[in-house]
Amino acid sequence: MAWVLIAIALLMLATEKAQITIFGSEGKRPSFVGMGFAVFVFLLSGIFGIIVLDFEVASPIGLDSLVLFPALAGLFGVPTLLHSLMTKPALPAQKIEVVKLNRM
């Protein structure tokens, strides 16, 4: 079963279609940079998983618990936090109106 997972991961990394053109080159180089970045993210996620699976937390009800679920839940917020740090939000002009109540 492990060989099937390894084969699927290698196939996904080899067929990565992202082209990173930040270096300003053309041809096959942006494709290889995209594949290299995909391999980097794949290895980084594997290292993160290995580190997180070794952590244990004290459960409030006395059961064994892992940090995996809170870590994954926290990672879903990372793109939003990075986006808010890299962009400058613009608030629209506020319109303050007097509230009119209908009394019957």
N, C-alpha and C. Protein backbone atom coordinates (compact mmCIF):
# COMPACT_ATOMS: atom_id res chain seq x y z
N MET A 1 0.81 -1.20 0.00
CA MET A 1 0.00 0.00 0.00
C MET A 1 0.86 1.26 0.00
N ALA A 2 1.99 1.20 0.70
CA ALA A 2 2.86 2.37 0.76
C ALA A 2 3.43 2.70 -0.62
N TRP A 3 3.70 1.66 -1.42
CA TRP A 3 4.24 1.91 -2.76
C TRP A 3 3.22 2.59 -3.66
N VAL A 4 1.98 2.29 -3.46
CA VAL A 4 0.93 2.96 -4.25
C VAL A 4 0.88 4.44 -3.90
N LEU A 5 0.94 4.76 -2.62
CA LEU A 5 0.93 6.16 -2.20
C LEU A 5 2.16 6.91 -2.69
N ILE A 6 3.31 6.26 -2.64
CA ILE A 6 4.55 6.89 -3.13
C ILE A 6 4.45 7.13 -4.63
N ALA A 7 3.92 6.16 -5.36
CA ALA A 7 3.77 6.31 -6.81
C ALA A 7 2.81 7.44 -7.16
N ILE A 8 1.71 7.55 -6.43
CA ILE A 8 0.75 8.63 -6.69
C ILE A 8 1.38 9.98 -6.37
N ALA A 9 2.11 10.08 -5.26
CA ALA A 9 2.76 11.34 -4.90
C ALA A 9 3.79 11.74 -5.95
N LEU A 10 4.60 10.79 -6.41
CA LEU A 10 5.59 11.10 -7.46
C LEU A 10 4.92 11.51 -8.77
N LEU A 11 3.83 10.84 -9.11
CA LEU A 11 3.10 11.20 -10.32
C LEU A 11 2.52 12.61 -10.23
N MET A 12 1.98 12.94 -9.06
CA MET A 12 1.43 14.29 -8.87
C MET A 12 2.52 15.35 -8.95
N LEU A 13 3.67 15.08 -8.36
CA LEU A 13 4.77 16.05 -8.40
C LEU A 13 5.36 16.17 -9.81
N ALA A 14 5.43 15.07 -10.53
CA ALA A 14 6.01 15.10 -11.88
C ALA A 14 5.10 15.79 -12.89
N THR A 15 3.80 15.74 -12.66
CA THR A 15 2.85 16.35 -13.60
C THR A 15 2.38 17.72 -13.13
N GLU A 16 3.09 18.33 -12.22
CA GLU A 16 2.73 19.67 -11.74
C GLU A 16 2.82 20.66 -12.90
N LYS A 17 1.77 21.43 -13.09
CA LYS A 17 1.70 22.34 -14.25
C LYS A 17 1.97 23.80 -13.88
N ALA A 18 2.27 24.08 -12.64
CA ALA A 18 2.52 25.47 -12.24
C ALA A 18 3.79 25.98 -12.90
N GLN A 19 3.72 27.18 -13.41
CA GLN A 19 4.90 27.81 -14.00
C GLN A 19 5.20 29.07 -13.21
N ILE A 20 6.32 29.08 -12.55
CA ILE A 20 6.72 30.24 -11.75
C ILE A 20 7.64 31.10 -12.60
N THR A 21 7.14 32.25 -13.02
CA THR A 21 7.90 33.12 -13.93
C THR A 21 8.48 34.32 -13.19
N ILE A 22 8.69 34.20 -11.90
CA ILE A 22 9.20 35.32 -11.12
C ILE A 22 10.64 35.65 -11.51
N PHE A 23 11.36 34.68 -12.06
CA PHE A 23 12.74 34.91 -12.45
C PHE A 23 12.85 35.50 -13.85
N GLY A 24 11.73 35.64 -14.54
CA GLY A 24 11.71 36.29 -15.84
C GLY A 24 12.19 35.45 -17.00
N SER A 25 12.30 34.17 -16.83
CA SER A 25 12.78 33.33 -17.93
C SER A 25 11.60 32.68 -18.63
N GLU A 26 11.87 32.14 -19.81
CA GLU A 26 10.85 31.47 -20.59
C GLU A 26 11.31 30.06 -20.91
N GLY A 27 10.44 29.28 -21.51
CA GLY A 27 10.79 27.92 -21.89
C GLY A 27 10.41 26.93 -20.81
N LYS A 28 11.28 25.96 -20.57
CA LYS A 28 10.98 24.90 -19.61
C LYS A 28 11.39 25.25 -18.19
N ARG A 29 12.20 26.27 -18.02
CA ARG A 29 12.70 26.59 -16.68
C ARG A 29 11.58 26.95 -15.70
N PRO A 30 10.56 27.77 -16.06
CA PRO A 30 9.49 28.04 -15.10
C PRO A 30 8.72 26.80 -14.68
N SER A 31 8.62 25.81 -15.58
CA SER A 31 7.94 24.55 -15.23
C SER A 31 8.75 23.78 -14.20
N PHE A 32 10.08 23.73 -14.38
CA PHE A 32 10.92 23.03 -13.42
C PHE A 32 10.95 23.75 -12.07
N VAL A 33 10.89 25.07 -12.09
CA VAL A 33 10.83 25.82 -10.83
C VAL A 33 9.50 25.53 -10.13
N GLY A 34 8.43 25.42 -10.90
CA GLY A 34 7.13 25.07 -10.33
C GLY A 34 7.13 23.69 -9.71
N MET A 35 7.75 22.72 -10.40
CA MET A 35 7.86 21.37 -9.85
C MET A 35 8.74 21.37 -8.59
N GLY A 36 9.82 22.15 -8.62
CA GLY A 36 10.69 22.25 -7.44
C GLY A 36 9.96 22.83 -6.25
N PHE A 37 9.13 23.83 -6.51
CA PHE A 37 8.34 24.42 -5.41
C PHE A 37 7.33 23.41 -4.88
N ALA A 38 6.72 22.62 -5.77
CA ALA A 38 5.78 21.59 -5.34
C ALA A 38 6.48 20.54 -4.48
N VAL A 39 7.70 20.14 -4.87
CA VAL A 39 8.46 19.19 -4.06
C VAL A 39 8.81 19.79 -2.71
N PHE A 40 9.16 21.09 -2.69
CA PHE A 40 9.47 21.76 -1.43
C PHE A 40 8.27 21.76 -0.49
N VAL A 41 7.10 22.11 -1.02
CA VAL A 41 5.89 22.14 -0.19
C VAL A 41 5.53 20.74 0.28
N PHE A 42 5.69 19.74 -0.59
CA PHE A 42 5.42 18.35 -0.22
C PHE A 42 6.32 17.90 0.93
N LEU A 43 7.62 18.18 0.82
CA LEU A 43 8.55 17.79 1.88
C LEU A 43 8.29 18.58 3.17
N LEU A 44 7.97 19.86 3.03
CA LEU A 44 7.68 20.67 4.20
C LEU A 44 6.45 20.16 4.94
N SER A 45 5.42 19.76 4.20
CA SER A 45 4.22 19.23 4.84
C SER A 45 4.52 17.89 5.52
N GLY A 46 5.38 17.08 4.90
CA GLY A 46 5.77 15.82 5.53
C GLY A 46 6.53 16.02 6.83
N ILE A 47 7.45 16.97 6.82
CA ILE A 47 8.22 17.28 8.04
C ILE A 47 7.29 17.82 9.12
N PHE A 48 6.36 18.68 8.73
CA PHE A 48 5.39 19.22 9.69
C PHE A 48 4.55 18.09 10.29
N GLY A 49 4.12 17.14 9.46
CA GLY A 49 3.34 16.02 9.97
C GLY A 49 4.12 15.15 10.94
N ILE A 50 5.38 14.90 10.63
CA ILE A 50 6.21 14.08 11.52
C ILE A 50 6.41 14.78 12.85
N ILE A 51 6.65 16.09 12.82
CA ILE A 51 6.85 16.84 14.07
C ILE A 51 5.57 16.87 14.89
N VAL A 52 4.44 17.15 14.25
CA VAL A 52 3.18 17.30 14.97
C VAL A 52 2.70 15.98 15.56
N LEU A 53 2.93 14.88 14.87
CA LEU A 53 2.45 13.59 15.38
C LEU A 53 3.18 13.16 16.64
N ASP A 54 4.35 13.73 16.92
CA ASP A 54 5.08 13.37 18.13
C ASP A 54 4.64 14.18 19.34
N PHE A 55 3.91 15.27 19.13
CA PHE A 55 3.44 16.09 20.25
C PHE A 55 2.22 15.44 20.90
N GLU A 56 2.12 15.59 22.19
CA GLU A 56 0.92 15.15 22.90
C GLU A 56 0.46 16.28 23.80
N VAL A 57 -0.84 16.37 23.96
CA VAL A 57 -1.41 17.41 24.80
C VAL A 57 -2.24 16.75 25.88
N ALA A 58 -2.36 17.43 27.00
CA ALA A 58 -3.20 16.91 28.08
C ALA A 58 -4.66 17.20 27.75
N SER A 59 -5.46 16.15 27.71
CA SER A 59 -6.87 16.30 27.42
C SER A 59 -7.61 16.70 28.69
N PRO A 60 -8.62 17.57 28.59
CA PRO A 60 -9.35 17.97 29.79
C PRO A 60 -10.17 16.84 30.40
N ILE A 61 -10.46 15.79 29.63
CA ILE A 61 -11.25 14.69 30.18
C ILE A 61 -10.41 13.43 30.40
N GLY A 62 -9.10 13.56 30.31
CA GLY A 62 -8.20 12.47 30.64
C GLY A 62 -7.90 11.49 29.53
N LEU A 63 -8.33 11.76 28.31
CA LEU A 63 -8.04 10.86 27.19
C LEU A 63 -6.77 11.30 26.47
N ASP A 64 -6.15 10.36 25.78
CA ASP A 64 -4.99 10.72 24.96
C ASP A 64 -5.46 11.57 23.78
N SER A 65 -4.71 12.61 23.50
CA SER A 65 -5.09 13.46 22.37
C SER A 65 -3.84 13.89 21.63
N LEU A 66 -4.02 14.11 20.35
CA LEU A 66 -2.92 14.54 19.50
C LEU A 66 -3.13 15.99 19.08
N VAL A 67 -2.09 16.58 18.57
CA VAL A 67 -2.13 17.97 18.16
C VAL A 67 -2.50 18.09 16.68
N LEU A 68 -2.70 16.97 16.01
CA LEU A 68 -2.91 16.99 14.57
C LEU A 68 -4.15 17.80 14.17
N PHE A 69 -5.28 17.55 14.80
CA PHE A 69 -6.50 18.27 14.42
C PHE A 69 -6.38 19.78 14.66
N PRO A 70 -5.94 20.24 15.85
CA PRO A 70 -5.78 21.69 16.02
C PRO A 70 -4.75 22.30 15.07
N ALA A 71 -3.70 21.55 14.75
CA ALA A 71 -2.69 22.07 13.81
C ALA A 71 -3.28 22.24 12.42
N LEU A 72 -4.04 21.26 11.96
CA LEU A 72 -4.65 21.36 10.64
C LEU A 72 -5.71 22.46 10.61
N ALA A 73 -6.46 22.59 11.69
CA ALA A 73 -7.47 23.66 11.75
C ALA A 73 -6.79 25.03 11.72
N GLY A 74 -5.67 25.16 12.39
CA GLY A 74 -4.94 26.42 12.38
C GLY A 74 -4.33 26.73 11.02
N LEU A 75 -3.92 25.69 10.30
CA LEU A 75 -3.33 25.91 8.98
C LEU A 75 -4.35 26.42 7.97
N PHE A 76 -5.63 26.16 8.19
CA PHE A 76 -6.64 26.70 7.29
C PHE A 76 -6.73 28.22 7.40
N GLY A 77 -6.30 28.79 8.52
CA GLY A 77 -6.34 30.23 8.69
C GLY A 77 -5.11 30.94 8.18
N VAL A 78 -4.04 30.22 7.90
CA VAL A 78 -2.78 30.83 7.46
C VAL A 78 -2.92 31.61 6.15
N PRO A 79 -3.58 31.09 5.12
CA PRO A 79 -3.70 31.88 3.88
C PRO A 79 -4.43 33.21 4.09
N THR A 80 -5.45 33.21 4.92
CA THR A 80 -6.17 34.45 5.20
C THR A 80 -5.29 35.44 5.94
N LEU A 81 -4.53 34.95 6.91
CA LEU A 81 -3.64 35.84 7.64
C LEU A 81 -2.54 36.40 6.74
N LEU A 82 -1.97 35.56 5.89
CA LEU A 82 -0.93 36.04 4.97
C LEU A 82 -1.49 37.05 3.97
N HIS A 83 -2.70 36.80 3.49
CA HIS A 83 -3.31 37.73 2.55
C HIS A 83 -3.58 39.08 3.22
N SER A 84 -4.04 39.06 4.45
CA SER A 84 -4.31 40.33 5.14
C SER A 84 -3.01 41.06 5.49
N LEU A 85 -1.92 40.33 5.69
CA LEU A 85 -0.65 40.99 5.96
C LEU A 85 -0.03 41.60 4.71
N MET A 86 -0.25 40.97 3.55
CA MET A 86 0.38 41.42 2.32
C MET A 86 -0.43 42.47 1.57
N THR A 87 -1.68 42.62 1.89
CA THR A 87 -2.51 43.62 1.20
C THR A 87 -2.89 44.72 2.18
N LYS A 88 -3.21 45.85 1.62
CA LYS A 88 -3.63 46.97 2.46
C LYS A 88 -5.14 47.12 2.28
N PRO A 89 -5.91 46.74 3.28
CA PRO A 89 -7.36 46.81 3.13
C PRO A 89 -7.84 48.26 3.08
N ALA A 90 -8.85 48.49 2.26
CA ALA A 90 -9.44 49.82 2.15
C ALA A 90 -10.88 49.74 2.63
N LEU A 91 -11.19 50.52 3.62
CA LEU A 91 -12.55 50.56 4.13
C LEU A 91 -13.38 51.53 3.31
N PRO A 92 -14.59 51.15 2.93
CA PRO A 92 -15.43 52.08 2.18
C PRO A 92 -15.89 53.22 3.07
N ALA A 93 -16.29 54.31 2.44
CA ALA A 93 -16.79 55.46 3.20
C ALA A 93 -18.05 55.06 3.95
N GLN A 94 -18.13 55.47 5.18
CA GLN A 94 -19.27 55.11 6.02
C GLN A 94 -20.36 56.16 5.91
N LYS A 95 -21.59 55.71 5.77
CA LYS A 95 -22.73 56.62 5.72
C LYS A 95 -23.51 56.47 7.01
N ILE A 96 -23.58 57.55 7.75
CA ILE A 96 -24.31 57.54 9.01
C ILE A 96 -25.63 58.25 8.78
N GLU A 97 -26.71 57.52 8.97
CA GLU A 97 -28.05 58.09 8.77
C GLU A 97 -28.82 58.02 10.08
N VAL A 98 -29.72 58.96 10.21
CA VAL A 98 -30.57 58.98 11.40
C VAL A 98 -31.65 57.91 11.23
N VAL A 99 -31.86 57.12 12.25
CA VAL A 99 -32.84 56.06 12.19
C VAL A 99 -34.21 56.65 12.46
N LYS A 100 -35.18 56.35 11.57
CA LYS A 100 -36.55 56.82 11.72
C LYS A 100 -37.40 55.65 12.14
N LEU A 101 -38.10 55.80 13.24
CA LEU A 101 -38.96 54.74 13.75
C LEU A 101 -40.40 55.05 13.40
N ASN A 102 -41.12 54.08 12.93
CA ASN A 102 -42.54 54.23 12.66
C ASN A 102 -43.32 53.81 13.91
N ARG A 103 -43.98 54.78 14.50
CA ARG A 103 -44.77 54.46 15.71
C ARG A 103 -46.23 54.41 15.31
N MET A 104 -46.86 53.33 15.58
CA MET A 104 -48.27 53.20 15.22
C MET A 104 -49.15 53.27 16.42
